[in-house]
Amino acid sequence: MLLELRGRLAENVNHMQTEALQEGAGTRSELSDVPLEHLADRGTDNFARDMMINILQNSEAEICDIDLALDKIDGGTYGTCEACGKSIPKGRLKALPFARLCIQCKQTEERQAEQQ
């Protein structure tokens, strides 16, 4: 399951990066003929670029988490909460196979992040 998920994410990241490079190259050549870029178009382009960057960063972070989970399988520690050391419930691992924390510890982590 982890390997399949990793493969899909890596494929999506590669596709988005290739698409972004192609669009970036096309945009530069098209805009060189336009004397003034319309501000609304620039804002839309910037928003789309920022959203693409966020998606890529999140996908790459998930790939790192999957790699860590695969290492944990090899090391015999997969399914163990990194914070409390208890077993992560199978339902959570089915929903999020690269989960590093049990639900209680994840909720505690999120509450602490909100307070900061």
N, C-alpha and C. Protein backbone atom coordinates (compact mmCIF):
# COMPACT_ATOMS: atom_id res chain seq x y z
N MET A 1 0.83 -1.19 0.00
CA MET A 1 0.00 0.00 0.00
C MET A 1 0.87 1.25 0.00
N LEU A 2 1.91 1.25 0.83
CA LEU A 2 2.80 2.41 0.90
C LEU A 2 3.56 2.60 -0.41
N LEU A 3 4.03 1.51 -1.00
CA LEU A 3 4.78 1.61 -2.25
C LEU A 3 3.88 2.12 -3.38
N GLU A 4 2.64 1.66 -3.41
CA GLU A 4 1.70 2.11 -4.43
C GLU A 4 1.42 3.61 -4.26
N LEU A 5 1.17 4.03 -3.03
CA LEU A 5 0.91 5.44 -2.74
C LEU A 5 2.11 6.30 -3.11
N ARG A 6 3.30 5.81 -2.76
CA ARG A 6 4.53 6.55 -3.08
C ARG A 6 4.69 6.70 -4.58
N GLY A 7 4.42 5.64 -5.32
CA GLY A 7 4.53 5.70 -6.77
C GLY A 7 3.58 6.71 -7.38
N ARG A 8 2.34 6.72 -6.90
CA ARG A 8 1.35 7.69 -7.42
C ARG A 8 1.76 9.12 -7.10
N LEU A 9 2.20 9.35 -5.87
CA LEU A 9 2.63 10.71 -5.49
C LEU A 9 3.83 11.16 -6.30
N ALA A 10 4.81 10.28 -6.46
CA ALA A 10 6.01 10.64 -7.23
C ALA A 10 5.65 10.94 -8.68
N GLU A 11 4.74 10.16 -9.24
CA GLU A 11 4.29 10.40 -10.62
C GLU A 11 3.59 11.76 -10.73
N ASN A 12 2.74 12.07 -9.75
CA ASN A 12 2.04 13.36 -9.75
C ASN A 12 3.01 14.52 -9.62
N VAL A 13 4.00 14.38 -8.74
CA VAL A 13 5.00 15.44 -8.55
C VAL A 13 5.77 15.66 -9.85
N ASN A 14 6.21 14.58 -10.48
CA ASN A 14 6.96 14.71 -11.73
C ASN A 14 6.10 15.37 -12.81
N HIS A 15 4.84 14.97 -12.90
CA HIS A 15 3.94 15.54 -13.89
C HIS A 15 3.74 17.05 -13.65
N MET A 16 3.50 17.42 -12.39
CA MET A 16 3.28 18.84 -12.08
C MET A 16 4.54 19.67 -12.34
N GLN A 17 5.71 19.11 -12.02
CA GLN A 17 6.95 19.85 -12.26
C GLN A 17 7.19 20.05 -13.75
N THR A 18 6.94 19.01 -14.53
CA THR A 18 7.10 19.11 -15.98
C THR A 18 6.13 20.13 -16.56
N GLU A 19 4.88 20.06 -16.10
CA GLU A 19 3.86 20.99 -16.57
C GLU A 19 4.21 22.43 -16.21
N ALA A 20 4.68 22.63 -15.00
CA ALA A 20 5.05 23.98 -14.55
C ALA A 20 6.21 24.53 -15.38
N LEU A 21 7.18 23.68 -15.69
CA LEU A 21 8.30 24.14 -16.51
C LEU A 21 7.85 24.50 -17.92
N GLN A 22 6.96 23.69 -18.49
CA GLN A 22 6.46 23.97 -19.84
C GLN A 22 5.64 25.26 -19.85
N GLU A 23 4.78 25.44 -18.85
CA GLU A 23 3.97 26.65 -18.79
C GLU A 23 4.84 27.87 -18.57
N GLY A 24 5.85 27.75 -17.73
CA GLY A 24 6.75 28.87 -17.47
C GLY A 24 7.49 29.29 -18.72
N ALA A 25 7.96 28.33 -19.50
CA ALA A 25 8.67 28.65 -20.73
C ALA A 25 7.73 29.28 -21.75
N GLY A 26 6.51 28.77 -21.85
CA GLY A 26 5.53 29.32 -22.78
C GLY A 26 5.10 30.71 -22.40
N THR A 27 4.94 30.95 -21.13
CA THR A 27 4.49 32.25 -20.65
C THR A 27 5.52 33.33 -20.96
N ARG A 28 6.79 33.01 -20.76
CA ARG A 28 7.82 34.01 -21.01
C ARG A 28 7.84 34.45 -22.47
N SER A 29 7.74 33.47 -23.38
CA SER A 29 7.80 33.84 -24.79
C SER A 29 6.54 34.58 -25.22
N GLU A 30 5.39 34.19 -24.69
CA GLU A 30 4.15 34.88 -25.05
C GLU A 30 4.12 36.29 -24.48
N LEU A 31 4.62 36.48 -23.29
CA LEU A 31 4.56 37.79 -22.65
C LEU A 31 5.59 38.75 -23.21
N SER A 32 6.61 38.24 -23.88
CA SER A 32 7.62 39.14 -24.42
C SER A 32 7.04 40.03 -25.51
N ASP A 33 5.94 39.58 -26.15
CA ASP A 33 5.31 40.38 -27.20
C ASP A 33 4.28 41.37 -26.65
N VAL A 34 3.92 41.22 -25.37
CA VAL A 34 2.90 42.07 -24.77
C VAL A 34 3.59 43.20 -24.02
N PRO A 35 3.30 44.47 -24.39
CA PRO A 35 4.00 45.58 -23.74
C PRO A 35 3.70 45.71 -22.25
N LEU A 36 2.44 45.55 -21.85
CA LEU A 36 2.07 45.66 -20.44
C LEU A 36 1.22 44.47 -20.05
N GLU A 37 1.63 43.81 -19.00
CA GLU A 37 0.88 42.66 -18.52
C GLU A 37 -0.31 43.15 -17.69
N HIS A 38 -1.45 42.58 -17.91
CA HIS A 38 -2.65 42.96 -17.16
C HIS A 38 -2.49 42.51 -15.71
N LEU A 39 -2.75 43.38 -14.76
CA LEU A 39 -2.55 43.08 -13.34
C LEU A 39 -3.38 41.90 -12.86
N ALA A 40 -4.62 41.79 -13.32
CA ALA A 40 -5.47 40.67 -12.89
C ALA A 40 -4.90 39.35 -13.38
N ASP A 41 -4.39 39.33 -14.60
CA ASP A 41 -3.77 38.12 -15.13
C ASP A 41 -2.54 37.74 -14.31
N ARG A 42 -1.76 38.72 -13.95
CA ARG A 42 -0.56 38.46 -13.14
C ARG A 42 -0.95 37.90 -11.78
N GLY A 43 -2.00 38.47 -11.18
CA GLY A 43 -2.46 37.97 -9.88
C GLY A 43 -2.96 36.55 -9.97
N THR A 44 -3.71 36.23 -11.01
CA THR A 44 -4.19 34.87 -11.21
C THR A 44 -3.04 33.91 -11.42
N ASP A 45 -2.07 34.29 -12.23
CA ASP A 45 -0.90 33.46 -12.49
C ASP A 45 -0.11 33.22 -11.20
N ASN A 46 0.08 34.28 -10.40
CA ASN A 46 0.81 34.15 -9.14
C ASN A 46 0.08 33.23 -8.17
N PHE A 47 -1.25 33.36 -8.10
CA PHE A 47 -2.04 32.50 -7.22
C PHE A 47 -1.92 31.04 -7.65
N ALA A 48 -2.04 30.79 -8.94
CA ALA A 48 -1.93 29.42 -9.45
C ALA A 48 -0.54 28.85 -9.19
N ARG A 49 0.50 29.66 -9.37
CA ARG A 49 1.87 29.21 -9.12
C ARG A 49 2.07 28.89 -7.64
N ASP A 50 1.57 29.76 -6.76
CA ASP A 50 1.71 29.53 -5.32
C ASP A 50 0.98 28.27 -4.89
N MET A 51 -0.21 28.04 -5.46
CA MET A 51 -0.97 26.85 -5.12
C MET A 51 -0.23 25.60 -5.60
N MET A 52 0.35 25.65 -6.79
CA MET A 52 1.12 24.52 -7.32
C MET A 52 2.33 24.24 -6.44
N ILE A 53 3.00 25.28 -5.99
CA ILE A 53 4.16 25.10 -5.11
C ILE A 53 3.74 24.43 -3.81
N ASN A 54 2.62 24.86 -3.22
CA ASN A 54 2.13 24.25 -1.98
C ASN A 54 1.80 22.78 -2.18
N ILE A 55 1.14 22.46 -3.28
CA ILE A 55 0.80 21.07 -3.57
C ILE A 55 2.06 20.23 -3.72
N LEU A 56 3.05 20.76 -4.44
CA LEU A 56 4.31 20.04 -4.62
C LEU A 56 5.02 19.82 -3.29
N GLN A 57 5.07 20.85 -2.46
CA GLN A 57 5.74 20.72 -1.16
C GLN A 57 5.03 19.68 -0.29
N ASN A 58 3.70 19.71 -0.26
CA ASN A 58 2.96 18.74 0.54
C ASN A 58 3.17 17.33 0.01
N SER A 59 3.17 17.17 -1.30
CA SER A 59 3.37 15.84 -1.89
C SER A 59 4.77 15.32 -1.59
N GLU A 60 5.76 16.20 -1.69
CA GLU A 60 7.13 15.79 -1.40
C GLU A 60 7.30 15.43 0.08
N ALA A 61 6.61 16.15 0.96
CA ALA A 61 6.66 15.83 2.39
C ALA A 61 6.01 14.48 2.65
N GLU A 62 4.90 14.19 1.95
CA GLU A 62 4.26 12.88 2.11
C GLU A 62 5.16 11.76 1.62
N ILE A 63 5.89 12.00 0.52
CA ILE A 63 6.83 10.99 0.03
C ILE A 63 7.90 10.72 1.09
N CYS A 64 8.39 11.75 1.74
CA CYS A 64 9.38 11.57 2.82
C CYS A 64 8.78 10.77 3.97
N ASP A 65 7.52 11.07 4.33
CA ASP A 65 6.85 10.32 5.40
C ASP A 65 6.67 8.85 5.01
N ILE A 66 6.37 8.60 3.74
CA ILE A 66 6.21 7.22 3.27
C ILE A 66 7.55 6.50 3.34
N ASP A 67 8.62 7.17 2.91
CA ASP A 67 9.95 6.56 2.99
C ASP A 67 10.31 6.22 4.43
N LEU A 68 9.96 7.09 5.36
CA LEU A 68 10.21 6.83 6.77
C LEU A 68 9.41 5.62 7.24
N ALA A 69 8.15 5.54 6.81
CA ALA A 69 7.31 4.39 7.18
C ALA A 69 7.89 3.10 6.62
N LEU A 70 8.41 3.13 5.40
CA LEU A 70 9.04 1.94 4.81
C LEU A 70 10.28 1.54 5.60
N ASP A 71 11.06 2.54 6.04
CA ASP A 71 12.22 2.24 6.88
C ASP A 71 11.79 1.62 8.20
N LYS A 72 10.66 2.10 8.75
CA LYS A 72 10.16 1.55 10.01
C LYS A 72 9.71 0.10 9.84
N ILE A 73 9.15 -0.21 8.68
CA ILE A 73 8.77 -1.60 8.41
C ILE A 73 10.02 -2.47 8.45
N ASP A 74 11.08 -2.02 7.77
CA ASP A 74 12.35 -2.76 7.77
C ASP A 74 12.93 -2.89 9.17
N GLY A 75 12.76 -1.85 9.98
CA GLY A 75 13.30 -1.86 11.34
C GLY A 75 12.39 -2.50 12.38
N GLY A 76 11.18 -2.87 11.98
CA GLY A 76 10.25 -3.52 12.90
C GLY A 76 9.53 -2.56 13.83
N THR A 77 9.52 -1.27 13.51
CA THR A 77 8.85 -0.30 14.39
C THR A 77 7.63 0.34 13.74
N TYR A 78 7.21 -0.15 12.58
CA TYR A 78 6.05 0.41 11.90
C TYR A 78 4.81 0.22 12.76
N GLY A 79 3.99 1.27 12.83
CA GLY A 79 2.75 1.19 13.59
C GLY A 79 2.90 1.56 15.05
N THR A 80 4.08 2.06 15.42
CA THR A 80 4.32 2.48 16.79
C THR A 80 4.37 4.00 16.83
N CYS A 81 3.62 4.60 17.74
CA CYS A 81 3.58 6.05 17.88
C CYS A 81 4.96 6.57 18.31
N GLU A 82 5.43 7.59 17.62
CA GLU A 82 6.74 8.16 17.93
C GLU A 82 6.75 8.93 19.24
N ALA A 83 5.59 9.38 19.69
CA ALA A 83 5.54 10.18 20.92
C ALA A 83 5.36 9.33 22.16
N CYS A 84 4.38 8.43 22.15
CA CYS A 84 4.08 7.68 23.37
C CYS A 84 4.53 6.22 23.33
N GLY A 85 4.87 5.74 22.16
CA GLY A 85 5.36 4.37 22.03
C GLY A 85 4.28 3.31 21.96
N LYS A 86 3.00 3.72 22.01
CA LYS A 86 1.91 2.76 21.91
C LYS A 86 1.64 2.42 20.45
N SER A 87 0.90 1.36 20.23
CA SER A 87 0.55 0.96 18.87
C SER A 87 -0.46 1.94 18.28
N ILE A 88 -0.25 2.28 17.01
CA ILE A 88 -1.21 3.11 16.28
C ILE A 88 -2.31 2.17 15.80
N PRO A 89 -3.58 2.50 16.06
CA PRO A 89 -4.68 1.62 15.65
C PRO A 89 -4.67 1.33 14.15
N LYS A 90 -5.04 0.11 13.79
CA LYS A 90 -5.03 -0.30 12.38
C LYS A 90 -5.93 0.58 11.52
N GLY A 91 -7.04 1.03 12.07
CA GLY A 91 -7.93 1.91 11.31
C GLY A 91 -7.24 3.19 10.89
N ARG A 92 -6.43 3.74 11.80
CA ARG A 92 -5.69 4.97 11.47
C ARG A 92 -4.64 4.68 10.40
N LEU A 93 -3.97 3.53 10.52
CA LEU A 93 -2.95 3.19 9.54
C LEU A 93 -3.56 2.89 8.16
N LYS A 94 -4.79 2.37 8.15
CA LYS A 94 -5.46 2.17 6.86
C LYS A 94 -5.80 3.51 6.22
N ALA A 95 -6.25 4.44 7.03
CA ALA A 95 -6.62 5.77 6.52
C ALA A 95 -5.38 6.57 6.15
N LEU A 96 -4.33 6.46 6.94
CA LEU A 96 -3.10 7.22 6.73
C LEU A 96 -1.92 6.27 6.99
N PRO A 97 -1.53 5.49 5.98
CA PRO A 97 -0.54 4.43 6.20
C PRO A 97 0.83 4.92 6.66
N PHE A 98 1.10 6.21 6.52
CA PHE A 98 2.39 6.73 6.96
C PHE A 98 2.27 7.55 8.25
N ALA A 99 1.20 7.30 9.00
CA ALA A 99 0.99 8.02 10.27
C ALA A 99 2.16 7.75 11.21
N ARG A 100 2.65 8.81 11.83
CA ARG A 100 3.77 8.69 12.76
C ARG A 100 3.31 8.74 14.21
N LEU A 101 2.10 9.25 14.42
CA LEU A 101 1.57 9.42 15.77
C LEU A 101 0.19 8.78 15.88
N CYS A 102 -0.15 8.32 17.08
CA CYS A 102 -1.50 7.85 17.34
C CYS A 102 -2.42 9.07 17.35
N ILE A 103 -3.70 8.84 17.36
CA ILE A 103 -4.65 9.96 17.28
C ILE A 103 -4.50 10.92 18.46
N GLN A 104 -4.38 10.37 19.68
CA GLN A 104 -4.26 11.23 20.86
C GLN A 104 -3.02 12.12 20.78
N CYS A 105 -1.89 11.55 20.40
CA CYS A 105 -0.65 12.33 20.33
C CYS A 105 -0.72 13.35 19.19
N LYS A 106 -1.37 13.00 18.09
CA LYS A 106 -1.53 13.95 16.98
C LYS A 106 -2.40 15.13 17.41
N GLN A 107 -3.47 14.84 18.14
CA GLN A 107 -4.33 15.91 18.62
C GLN A 107 -3.59 16.82 19.59
N THR A 108 -2.78 16.24 20.45
CA THR A 108 -1.97 17.03 21.38
C THR A 108 -1.00 17.92 20.61
N GLU A 109 -0.35 17.35 19.59
CA GLU A 109 0.58 18.12 18.77
C GLU A 109 -0.12 19.30 18.09
N GLU A 110 -1.31 19.05 17.57
CA GLU A 110 -2.07 20.12 16.88
C GLU A 110 -2.50 21.21 17.85
N ARG A 111 -2.92 20.82 19.06
CA ARG A 111 -3.31 21.82 20.06
C ARG A 111 -2.11 22.69 20.44
N GLN A 112 -0.96 22.07 20.62
CA GLN A 112 0.25 22.83 20.96
C GLN A 112 0.63 23.78 19.83
N ALA A 113 0.48 23.34 18.59
CA ALA A 113 0.80 24.21 17.45
C ALA A 113 -0.14 25.40 17.39
N GLU A 114 -1.41 25.19 17.73
CA GLU A 114 -2.39 26.29 17.73
C GLU A 114 -2.06 27.32 18.79
N GLN A 115 -1.52 26.89 19.91
CA GLN A 115 -1.21 27.80 21.01
C GLN A 115 0.01 28.67 20.71
N GLN A 116 0.82 28.26 19.78
CA GLN A 116 2.05 29.01 19.48
C GLN A 116 1.82 30.10 18.54
